[in-house]
N, C-alpha and C. Protein backbone atom coordinates (compact mmCIF):
# COMPACT_ATOMS: atom_id res chain seq x y z
N MET A 1 0.84 -1.17 0.00
CA MET A 1 0.00 0.00 0.00
C MET A 1 0.89 1.23 0.00
N SER A 2 0.62 2.13 -0.88
CA SER A 2 1.43 3.35 -0.94
C SER A 2 0.84 4.38 0.00
N PRO A 3 1.67 5.34 0.44
CA PRO A 3 1.17 6.40 1.31
C PRO A 3 0.02 7.17 0.69
N MET A 4 -0.05 7.20 -0.63
CA MET A 4 -1.13 7.92 -1.31
C MET A 4 -2.47 7.21 -1.14
N ASP A 5 -2.42 5.91 -0.84
CA ASP A 5 -3.66 5.14 -0.66
C ASP A 5 -4.28 5.34 0.72
N ILE A 6 -3.58 6.02 1.60
CA ILE A 6 -4.05 6.21 2.96
C ILE A 6 -4.70 7.57 3.10
N ARG A 7 -5.88 7.58 3.70
CA ARG A 7 -6.53 8.86 3.98
C ARG A 7 -6.86 8.90 5.47
N ILE A 8 -6.96 10.11 6.00
CA ILE A 8 -7.35 10.32 7.39
C ILE A 8 -8.69 11.03 7.38
N ARG A 9 -9.62 10.49 8.13
CA ARG A 9 -10.96 11.03 8.18
C ARG A 9 -11.47 11.05 9.60
N PRO A 10 -12.49 11.85 9.89
CA PRO A 10 -13.10 11.81 11.22
C PRO A 10 -13.76 10.46 11.47
N GLY A 11 -13.67 10.00 12.71
CA GLY A 11 -14.34 8.77 13.09
C GLY A 11 -15.83 9.00 13.29
N THR A 12 -16.61 7.94 13.10
CA THR A 12 -18.06 8.01 13.29
C THR A 12 -18.52 6.86 14.19
N GLU A 13 -19.75 6.93 14.57
CA GLU A 13 -20.34 5.90 15.42
C GLU A 13 -20.18 4.51 14.81
N SER A 14 -20.24 4.41 13.49
CA SER A 14 -20.12 3.10 12.83
C SER A 14 -18.71 2.51 12.94
N ASP A 15 -17.73 3.30 13.39
CA ASP A 15 -16.35 2.82 13.53
C ASP A 15 -16.08 2.18 14.89
N ALA A 16 -17.03 2.26 15.82
CA ALA A 16 -16.77 1.85 17.20
C ALA A 16 -16.22 0.43 17.30
N GLU A 17 -16.83 -0.51 16.65
CA GLU A 17 -16.42 -1.92 16.77
C GLU A 17 -15.02 -2.13 16.20
N ALA A 18 -14.76 -1.60 15.01
CA ALA A 18 -13.43 -1.78 14.39
C ALA A 18 -12.33 -1.07 15.18
N VAL A 19 -12.63 0.11 15.71
CA VAL A 19 -11.64 0.83 16.50
C VAL A 19 -11.35 0.05 17.79
N ALA A 20 -12.38 -0.46 18.44
CA ALA A 20 -12.19 -1.26 19.66
C ALA A 20 -11.35 -2.51 19.38
N THR A 21 -11.57 -3.15 18.27
CA THR A 21 -10.82 -4.34 17.89
C THR A 21 -9.35 -3.99 17.66
N LEU A 22 -9.09 -2.91 16.91
CA LEU A 22 -7.71 -2.49 16.67
C LEU A 22 -7.04 -2.06 17.97
N HIS A 23 -7.74 -1.32 18.79
CA HIS A 23 -7.22 -0.85 20.08
C HIS A 23 -6.79 -2.06 20.93
N THR A 24 -7.62 -3.07 21.00
CA THR A 24 -7.32 -4.28 21.77
C THR A 24 -6.12 -5.01 21.20
N ALA A 25 -6.06 -5.18 19.89
CA ALA A 25 -4.91 -5.85 19.26
C ALA A 25 -3.62 -5.08 19.53
N SER A 26 -3.69 -3.76 19.48
CA SER A 26 -2.51 -2.93 19.73
C SER A 26 -2.03 -3.12 21.17
N TRP A 27 -2.94 -3.06 22.13
CA TRP A 27 -2.55 -3.25 23.53
C TRP A 27 -1.98 -4.64 23.76
N ARG A 28 -2.61 -5.66 23.19
CA ARG A 28 -2.13 -7.04 23.41
C ARG A 28 -0.72 -7.23 22.86
N THR A 29 -0.37 -6.49 21.82
CA THR A 29 0.97 -6.57 21.26
C THR A 29 1.96 -5.69 22.03
N ALA A 30 1.62 -4.41 22.19
CA ALA A 30 2.55 -3.44 22.81
C ALA A 30 2.75 -3.70 24.30
N TYR A 31 1.73 -4.20 24.98
CA TYR A 31 1.80 -4.33 26.43
C TYR A 31 1.90 -5.78 26.89
N ALA A 32 2.26 -6.69 25.99
CA ALA A 32 2.30 -8.12 26.33
C ALA A 32 3.16 -8.43 27.55
N SER A 33 4.26 -7.76 27.71
CA SER A 33 5.12 -8.02 28.86
C SER A 33 5.03 -6.92 29.91
N ILE A 34 4.08 -6.02 29.74
CA ILE A 34 3.96 -4.86 30.63
C ILE A 34 2.73 -4.98 31.53
N MET A 35 1.59 -5.29 30.95
CA MET A 35 0.33 -5.40 31.69
C MET A 35 0.06 -6.85 32.06
N PRO A 36 -0.76 -7.07 33.09
CA PRO A 36 -1.08 -8.45 33.47
C PRO A 36 -1.76 -9.21 32.32
N GLU A 37 -1.27 -10.42 32.07
CA GLU A 37 -1.79 -11.25 30.99
C GLU A 37 -3.27 -11.54 31.18
N GLY A 38 -3.70 -11.72 32.42
CA GLY A 38 -5.09 -12.00 32.69
C GLY A 38 -6.01 -10.88 32.22
N TYR A 39 -5.56 -9.65 32.33
CA TYR A 39 -6.35 -8.52 31.86
C TYR A 39 -6.32 -8.43 30.33
N LEU A 40 -5.11 -8.53 29.75
CA LEU A 40 -4.97 -8.42 28.30
C LEU A 40 -5.81 -9.48 27.57
N ASN A 41 -5.85 -10.67 28.13
CA ASN A 41 -6.59 -11.76 27.47
C ASN A 41 -7.96 -11.98 28.09
N GLY A 42 -8.34 -11.09 28.99
CA GLY A 42 -9.65 -11.22 29.65
C GLY A 42 -10.56 -10.08 29.30
N ALA A 43 -10.75 -9.18 30.25
CA ALA A 43 -11.75 -8.11 30.12
C ALA A 43 -11.38 -7.00 29.15
N LEU A 44 -10.16 -6.96 28.68
CA LEU A 44 -9.71 -5.85 27.83
C LEU A 44 -10.62 -5.61 26.63
N ALA A 45 -10.93 -6.65 25.88
CA ALA A 45 -11.75 -6.45 24.67
C ALA A 45 -13.10 -5.85 25.00
N ALA A 46 -13.75 -6.33 26.04
CA ALA A 46 -15.05 -5.80 26.44
C ALA A 46 -14.92 -4.36 26.93
N ASP A 47 -13.84 -4.06 27.66
CA ASP A 47 -13.59 -2.70 28.13
C ASP A 47 -13.45 -1.73 26.95
N HIS A 48 -12.67 -2.14 25.94
CA HIS A 48 -12.46 -1.27 24.79
C HIS A 48 -13.74 -1.11 23.98
N LYS A 49 -14.51 -2.17 23.85
CA LYS A 49 -15.77 -2.07 23.12
C LYS A 49 -16.71 -1.08 23.81
N ALA A 50 -16.81 -1.16 25.13
CA ALA A 50 -17.67 -0.23 25.86
C ALA A 50 -17.14 1.20 25.76
N LEU A 51 -15.82 1.37 25.85
CA LEU A 51 -15.21 2.70 25.75
C LEU A 51 -15.56 3.36 24.41
N TRP A 52 -15.34 2.64 23.32
CA TRP A 52 -15.54 3.26 22.01
C TRP A 52 -17.02 3.44 21.69
N HIS A 53 -17.86 2.56 22.18
CA HIS A 53 -19.29 2.79 22.00
C HIS A 53 -19.70 4.07 22.73
N ARG A 54 -19.23 4.24 23.96
CA ARG A 54 -19.57 5.43 24.74
C ARG A 54 -19.01 6.68 24.06
N ARG A 55 -17.75 6.65 23.66
CA ARG A 55 -17.13 7.83 23.05
C ARG A 55 -17.78 8.24 21.74
N LEU A 56 -18.21 7.28 20.96
CA LEU A 56 -18.72 7.59 19.62
C LEU A 56 -20.24 7.68 19.56
N THR A 57 -20.92 7.42 20.67
CA THR A 57 -22.37 7.59 20.67
C THR A 57 -22.81 8.55 21.77
N ASP A 58 -22.43 8.26 23.00
CA ASP A 58 -22.94 9.03 24.14
C ASP A 58 -22.16 10.31 24.41
N ASP A 59 -20.85 10.27 24.25
CA ASP A 59 -19.99 11.40 24.66
C ASP A 59 -19.27 12.02 23.49
N ARG A 60 -19.96 12.31 22.41
CA ARG A 60 -19.33 12.86 21.22
C ARG A 60 -18.62 14.18 21.47
N SER A 61 -19.04 14.93 22.48
CA SER A 61 -18.40 16.23 22.74
C SER A 61 -17.14 16.10 23.58
N GLU A 62 -16.81 14.89 24.04
CA GLU A 62 -15.65 14.67 24.91
C GLU A 62 -14.33 14.80 24.15
N GLY A 63 -14.29 14.38 22.91
CA GLY A 63 -13.05 14.40 22.14
C GLY A 63 -13.33 14.13 20.67
N ASP A 64 -12.25 14.06 19.88
CA ASP A 64 -12.38 13.81 18.44
C ASP A 64 -11.50 12.66 18.02
N LEU A 65 -12.07 11.78 17.21
CA LEU A 65 -11.41 10.60 16.69
C LEU A 65 -11.10 10.80 15.21
N PHE A 66 -9.88 10.44 14.83
CA PHE A 66 -9.50 10.45 13.42
C PHE A 66 -8.94 9.09 13.06
N ILE A 67 -9.36 8.61 11.90
CA ILE A 67 -9.06 7.26 11.43
C ILE A 67 -8.15 7.34 10.21
N ALA A 68 -7.09 6.53 10.20
CA ALA A 68 -6.29 6.33 8.99
C ALA A 68 -6.82 5.06 8.34
N GLU A 69 -7.14 5.17 7.06
CA GLU A 69 -7.68 4.00 6.38
C GLU A 69 -7.17 3.91 4.94
N SER A 70 -7.25 2.70 4.42
CA SER A 70 -6.96 2.45 3.02
C SER A 70 -8.13 1.62 2.52
N GLY A 71 -8.85 2.16 1.54
CA GLY A 71 -10.09 1.52 1.13
C GLY A 71 -11.04 1.56 2.32
N SER A 72 -11.54 0.41 2.73
CA SER A 72 -12.42 0.37 3.90
C SER A 72 -11.71 -0.21 5.11
N GLU A 73 -10.39 -0.43 5.02
CA GLU A 73 -9.63 -1.02 6.13
C GLU A 73 -9.07 0.07 7.06
N ILE A 74 -9.40 -0.03 8.35
CA ILE A 74 -8.87 0.89 9.33
C ILE A 74 -7.46 0.46 9.68
N LEU A 75 -6.50 1.37 9.47
CA LEU A 75 -5.08 1.08 9.70
C LEU A 75 -4.61 1.59 11.06
N GLY A 76 -5.26 2.63 11.56
CA GLY A 76 -4.87 3.23 12.83
C GLY A 76 -5.82 4.36 13.18
N PHE A 77 -5.63 4.91 14.37
CA PHE A 77 -6.49 6.01 14.80
C PHE A 77 -5.80 6.85 15.87
N ILE A 78 -6.28 8.08 16.02
CA ILE A 78 -5.85 8.97 17.08
C ILE A 78 -7.12 9.60 17.67
N TYR A 79 -7.11 9.74 18.99
CA TYR A 79 -8.23 10.36 19.70
C TYR A 79 -7.68 11.47 20.57
N LEU A 80 -8.21 12.67 20.38
CA LEU A 80 -7.75 13.85 21.12
C LEU A 80 -8.89 14.46 21.88
N ALA A 81 -8.56 14.98 23.08
CA ALA A 81 -9.60 15.55 23.92
C ALA A 81 -9.06 16.79 24.64
N PRO A 82 -9.78 17.92 24.55
CA PRO A 82 -9.37 19.10 25.32
C PRO A 82 -9.58 18.84 26.81
N ARG A 83 -8.70 19.41 27.62
CA ARG A 83 -8.78 19.21 29.07
C ARG A 83 -9.04 20.53 29.76
N ALA A 84 -9.56 20.45 30.98
CA ALA A 84 -9.90 21.64 31.75
C ALA A 84 -8.69 22.51 32.04
N ASP A 85 -7.49 21.92 32.07
CA ASP A 85 -6.28 22.71 32.35
C ASP A 85 -5.79 23.48 31.13
N GLY A 86 -6.53 23.41 30.00
CA GLY A 86 -6.18 24.17 28.81
C GLY A 86 -5.34 23.40 27.80
N ARG A 87 -4.92 22.20 28.16
CA ARG A 87 -4.12 21.40 27.24
C ARG A 87 -5.02 20.46 26.43
N VAL A 88 -4.42 19.84 25.42
CA VAL A 88 -5.12 18.86 24.60
C VAL A 88 -4.43 17.52 24.80
N LEU A 89 -5.21 16.53 25.23
CA LEU A 89 -4.69 15.19 25.48
C LEU A 89 -4.84 14.30 24.25
N ILE A 90 -3.74 13.68 23.85
CA ILE A 90 -3.82 12.58 22.89
C ILE A 90 -4.07 11.36 23.77
N ASP A 91 -5.31 10.93 23.83
CA ASP A 91 -5.68 9.85 24.72
C ASP A 91 -5.40 8.48 24.09
N ASN A 92 -5.38 8.44 22.78
CA ASN A 92 -5.07 7.20 22.09
C ASN A 92 -4.40 7.50 20.77
N LEU A 93 -3.37 6.74 20.44
CA LEU A 93 -2.75 6.73 19.12
C LEU A 93 -2.31 5.30 18.89
N HIS A 94 -3.01 4.62 17.98
CA HIS A 94 -2.74 3.21 17.75
C HIS A 94 -2.73 2.93 16.24
N VAL A 95 -1.84 2.01 15.87
CA VAL A 95 -1.74 1.55 14.50
C VAL A 95 -1.82 0.02 14.55
N SER A 96 -2.43 -0.56 13.54
CA SER A 96 -2.52 -2.02 13.47
C SER A 96 -1.13 -2.60 13.73
N PRO A 97 -1.01 -3.59 14.62
CA PRO A 97 0.31 -4.15 14.95
C PRO A 97 1.11 -4.61 13.72
N THR A 98 0.46 -5.04 12.66
CA THR A 98 1.17 -5.50 11.46
C THR A 98 1.70 -4.34 10.62
N LEU A 99 1.30 -3.11 10.95
CA LEU A 99 1.70 -1.95 10.15
C LEU A 99 2.58 -0.96 10.90
N VAL A 100 2.96 -1.30 12.15
CA VAL A 100 3.79 -0.41 12.95
C VAL A 100 5.10 -0.15 12.23
N ARG A 101 5.60 1.06 12.33
CA ARG A 101 6.83 1.54 11.70
C ARG A 101 6.68 1.73 10.19
N GLY A 102 5.45 1.93 9.74
CA GLY A 102 5.20 2.17 8.32
C GLY A 102 4.82 3.60 8.01
N GLY A 103 4.88 4.50 9.00
CA GLY A 103 4.59 5.90 8.77
C GLY A 103 3.16 6.32 9.12
N ILE A 104 2.29 5.37 9.41
CA ILE A 104 0.90 5.70 9.70
C ILE A 104 0.80 6.45 11.02
N GLY A 105 1.52 6.00 12.04
CA GLY A 105 1.51 6.70 13.33
C GLY A 105 1.99 8.13 13.21
N SER A 106 3.02 8.35 12.42
CA SER A 106 3.53 9.72 12.21
C SER A 106 2.48 10.59 11.54
N ARG A 107 1.82 10.04 10.53
CA ARG A 107 0.77 10.81 9.84
C ARG A 107 -0.37 11.16 10.79
N LEU A 108 -0.77 10.19 11.61
CA LEU A 108 -1.85 10.45 12.57
C LEU A 108 -1.43 11.48 13.61
N LEU A 109 -0.20 11.36 14.11
CA LEU A 109 0.26 12.32 15.12
C LEU A 109 0.29 13.73 14.54
N HIS A 110 0.81 13.89 13.33
CA HIS A 110 0.86 15.22 12.72
C HIS A 110 -0.56 15.74 12.40
N HIS A 111 -1.44 14.85 12.04
CA HIS A 111 -2.84 15.27 11.82
C HIS A 111 -3.42 15.78 13.15
N GLY A 112 -3.13 15.06 14.22
CA GLY A 112 -3.59 15.49 15.53
C GLY A 112 -3.04 16.85 15.92
N PHE A 113 -1.75 17.08 15.66
CA PHE A 113 -1.16 18.38 15.96
C PHE A 113 -1.85 19.50 15.14
N GLU A 114 -2.10 19.23 13.85
CA GLU A 114 -2.77 20.22 13.01
C GLU A 114 -4.18 20.50 13.50
N TRP A 115 -4.90 19.45 13.87
CA TRP A 115 -6.26 19.61 14.40
C TRP A 115 -6.22 20.45 15.68
N ALA A 116 -5.32 20.11 16.60
CA ALA A 116 -5.23 20.84 17.88
C ALA A 116 -4.87 22.31 17.62
N ALA A 117 -3.96 22.57 16.69
CA ALA A 117 -3.57 23.95 16.40
C ALA A 117 -4.73 24.76 15.83
N ALA A 118 -5.57 24.12 15.03
CA ALA A 118 -6.72 24.80 14.44
C ALA A 118 -7.85 24.99 15.44
N GLU A 119 -8.12 23.98 16.24
CA GLU A 119 -9.25 24.01 17.18
C GLU A 119 -8.91 24.68 18.51
N TYR A 120 -7.66 24.54 18.94
CA TYR A 120 -7.23 25.04 20.25
C TYR A 120 -5.87 25.72 20.11
N PRO A 121 -5.79 26.83 19.37
CA PRO A 121 -4.52 27.47 19.06
C PRO A 121 -3.71 27.79 20.32
N GLY A 122 -2.42 27.48 20.24
CA GLY A 122 -1.50 27.82 21.31
C GLY A 122 -1.51 26.88 22.50
N ARG A 123 -2.43 25.98 22.55
CA ARG A 123 -2.50 25.07 23.68
C ARG A 123 -1.51 23.92 23.52
N PRO A 124 -0.82 23.55 24.58
CA PRO A 124 0.10 22.40 24.50
C PRO A 124 -0.68 21.11 24.28
N VAL A 125 -0.03 20.18 23.62
CA VAL A 125 -0.57 18.84 23.40
C VAL A 125 0.27 17.90 24.24
N TYR A 126 -0.39 16.91 24.87
CA TYR A 126 0.36 15.95 25.69
C TYR A 126 -0.29 14.59 25.61
N LEU A 127 0.44 13.60 26.11
CA LEU A 127 -0.09 12.25 26.26
C LEU A 127 0.59 11.60 27.44
N GLU A 128 0.04 10.47 27.83
CA GLU A 128 0.62 9.66 28.89
C GLU A 128 0.99 8.32 28.28
N VAL A 129 2.20 7.84 28.58
CA VAL A 129 2.69 6.59 28.01
C VAL A 129 3.31 5.76 29.13
N LEU A 130 3.10 4.46 29.08
CA LEU A 130 3.71 3.60 30.09
C LEU A 130 5.22 3.65 29.93
N GLN A 131 5.91 3.78 31.06
CA GLN A 131 7.36 3.93 31.04
C GLN A 131 8.06 2.72 30.41
N ALA A 132 7.47 1.55 30.54
CA ALA A 132 8.07 0.35 29.96
C ALA A 132 7.84 0.24 28.44
N ASN A 133 7.04 1.11 27.88
CA ASN A 133 6.76 1.09 26.44
C ASN A 133 7.81 1.92 25.71
N THR A 134 9.04 1.42 25.74
CA THR A 134 10.17 2.19 25.19
C THR A 134 10.07 2.46 23.69
N PRO A 135 9.49 1.56 22.87
CA PRO A 135 9.35 1.91 21.45
C PRO A 135 8.45 3.13 21.25
N ALA A 136 7.37 3.24 22.00
CA ALA A 136 6.48 4.39 21.88
C ALA A 136 7.18 5.66 22.34
N ILE A 137 7.91 5.58 23.44
CA ILE A 137 8.63 6.75 23.96
C ILE A 137 9.63 7.24 22.92
N ALA A 138 10.37 6.32 22.30
CA ALA A 138 11.33 6.71 21.27
C ALA A 138 10.62 7.39 20.10
N PHE A 139 9.46 6.85 19.69
CA PHE A 139 8.68 7.45 18.60
C PHE A 139 8.29 8.88 18.95
N TYR A 140 7.76 9.10 20.16
CA TYR A 140 7.33 10.44 20.56
C TYR A 140 8.51 11.40 20.67
N GLU A 141 9.63 10.92 21.16
CA GLU A 141 10.83 11.78 21.23
C GLU A 141 11.31 12.18 19.83
N ARG A 142 11.25 11.24 18.88
CA ARG A 142 11.64 11.56 17.49
C ARG A 142 10.75 12.65 16.91
N HIS A 143 9.53 12.74 17.43
CA HIS A 143 8.58 13.75 16.95
C HIS A 143 8.55 14.98 17.86
N GLY A 144 9.60 15.18 18.63
CA GLY A 144 9.75 16.42 19.40
C GLY A 144 9.13 16.44 20.78
N GLY A 145 8.61 15.32 21.25
CA GLY A 145 8.00 15.29 22.57
C GLY A 145 9.03 15.42 23.68
N ARG A 146 8.63 16.13 24.75
CA ARG A 146 9.47 16.29 25.94
C ARG A 146 8.92 15.45 27.06
N LEU A 147 9.80 14.67 27.70
CA LEU A 147 9.39 13.77 28.77
C LEU A 147 9.38 14.46 30.11
N ALA A 148 8.39 14.11 30.92
CA ALA A 148 8.30 14.60 32.31
C ALA A 148 8.73 13.47 33.24
N GLU A 149 8.74 13.75 34.51
CA GLU A 149 9.12 12.75 35.51
C GLU A 149 8.10 11.60 35.53
N PRO A 150 8.57 10.40 35.89
CA PRO A 150 7.63 9.27 35.99
C PRO A 150 6.65 9.46 37.13
N ARG A 151 5.53 8.84 36.98
CA ARG A 151 4.51 8.82 38.04
C ARG A 151 3.79 7.47 37.94
N ILE A 152 2.90 7.24 38.85
CA ILE A 152 2.18 5.97 38.88
C ILE A 152 0.81 6.14 38.21
N ALA A 153 0.51 5.24 37.29
CA ALA A 153 -0.82 5.17 36.69
C ALA A 153 -1.60 4.09 37.42
N HIS A 154 -2.76 4.46 37.93
CA HIS A 154 -3.61 3.52 38.64
C HIS A 154 -4.71 3.03 37.70
N PHE A 155 -4.73 1.76 37.41
CA PHE A 155 -5.73 1.19 36.51
C PHE A 155 -6.90 0.67 37.33
N PRO A 156 -8.13 0.96 36.90
CA PRO A 156 -9.30 0.52 37.67
C PRO A 156 -9.41 -0.99 37.78
N GLN A 157 -8.68 -1.72 36.97
CA GLN A 157 -8.71 -3.18 37.02
C GLN A 157 -7.85 -3.72 38.17
N GLY A 158 -7.20 -2.81 38.93
CA GLY A 158 -6.52 -3.24 40.14
C GLY A 158 -5.01 -3.38 40.04
N PHE A 159 -4.38 -2.73 39.08
CA PHE A 159 -2.92 -2.75 39.02
C PHE A 159 -2.39 -1.35 38.76
N ASP A 160 -1.13 -1.13 39.11
CA ASP A 160 -0.46 0.15 38.95
C ASP A 160 0.78 -0.04 38.09
N LEU A 161 1.08 0.94 37.24
CA LEU A 161 2.27 0.91 36.40
C LEU A 161 2.88 2.31 36.31
N GLN A 162 4.19 2.36 36.12
CA GLN A 162 4.86 3.63 35.94
C GLN A 162 4.50 4.20 34.57
N GLU A 163 4.25 5.53 34.52
CA GLU A 163 3.99 6.19 33.26
C GLU A 163 4.75 7.50 33.21
N LEU A 164 4.86 8.01 32.00
CA LEU A 164 5.49 9.31 31.75
C LEU A 164 4.49 10.18 31.03
N GLU A 165 4.60 11.48 31.24
CA GLU A 165 3.86 12.42 30.41
C GLU A 165 4.82 12.94 29.37
N ILE A 166 4.34 13.06 28.15
CA ILE A 166 5.13 13.63 27.06
C ILE A 166 4.34 14.82 26.54
N THR A 167 5.02 15.96 26.38
CA THR A 167 4.37 17.20 26.02
C THR A 167 5.01 17.82 24.77
N TRP A 168 4.17 18.47 23.99
CA TRP A 168 4.61 19.27 22.85
C TRP A 168 4.05 20.67 23.07
N SER A 169 4.88 21.67 22.99
CA SER A 169 4.40 23.06 23.08
C SER A 169 3.96 23.49 21.69
N ARG A 170 2.87 24.21 21.63
CA ARG A 170 2.36 24.70 20.35
C ARG A 170 2.22 26.19 20.43
N SER A 171 2.59 26.87 19.37
CA SER A 171 2.44 28.34 19.34
C SER A 171 1.58 28.74 18.19
């Protein structure tokens, strides 16, 4: 697939199932040795399905989803949400595990930056990443992200992991 075959479009309610499936596959690959196996192979899929159904039907004003696709195949997605502190959170950026390192993540990240600059001019963009997810951290650093001190992420499923905040200043 050539880069010209890929388009980025806003997500819709009809994307909820496919986005949840890709989100789950991405976590099961990226977090295989980071998160508890029982969660990754247990409740994760149902959690993601409920999350994306809620985000794309009930809470449309909470954030914006953008999908990278080729034909009708979803290749990746980014979800951004403005926060009360004035910043814009990249709450999700995922690419199909078979397509990682193919440029799709970079295109989605830059699309997110452009969207944030147009919708929320001058506001910093940030995300939270698990500290053990070193490939993702390296990707964000290559794209100009600045790392903050580690902190603990508390997961409602009953486990805690170290995470970092990565920030981009926008003018």
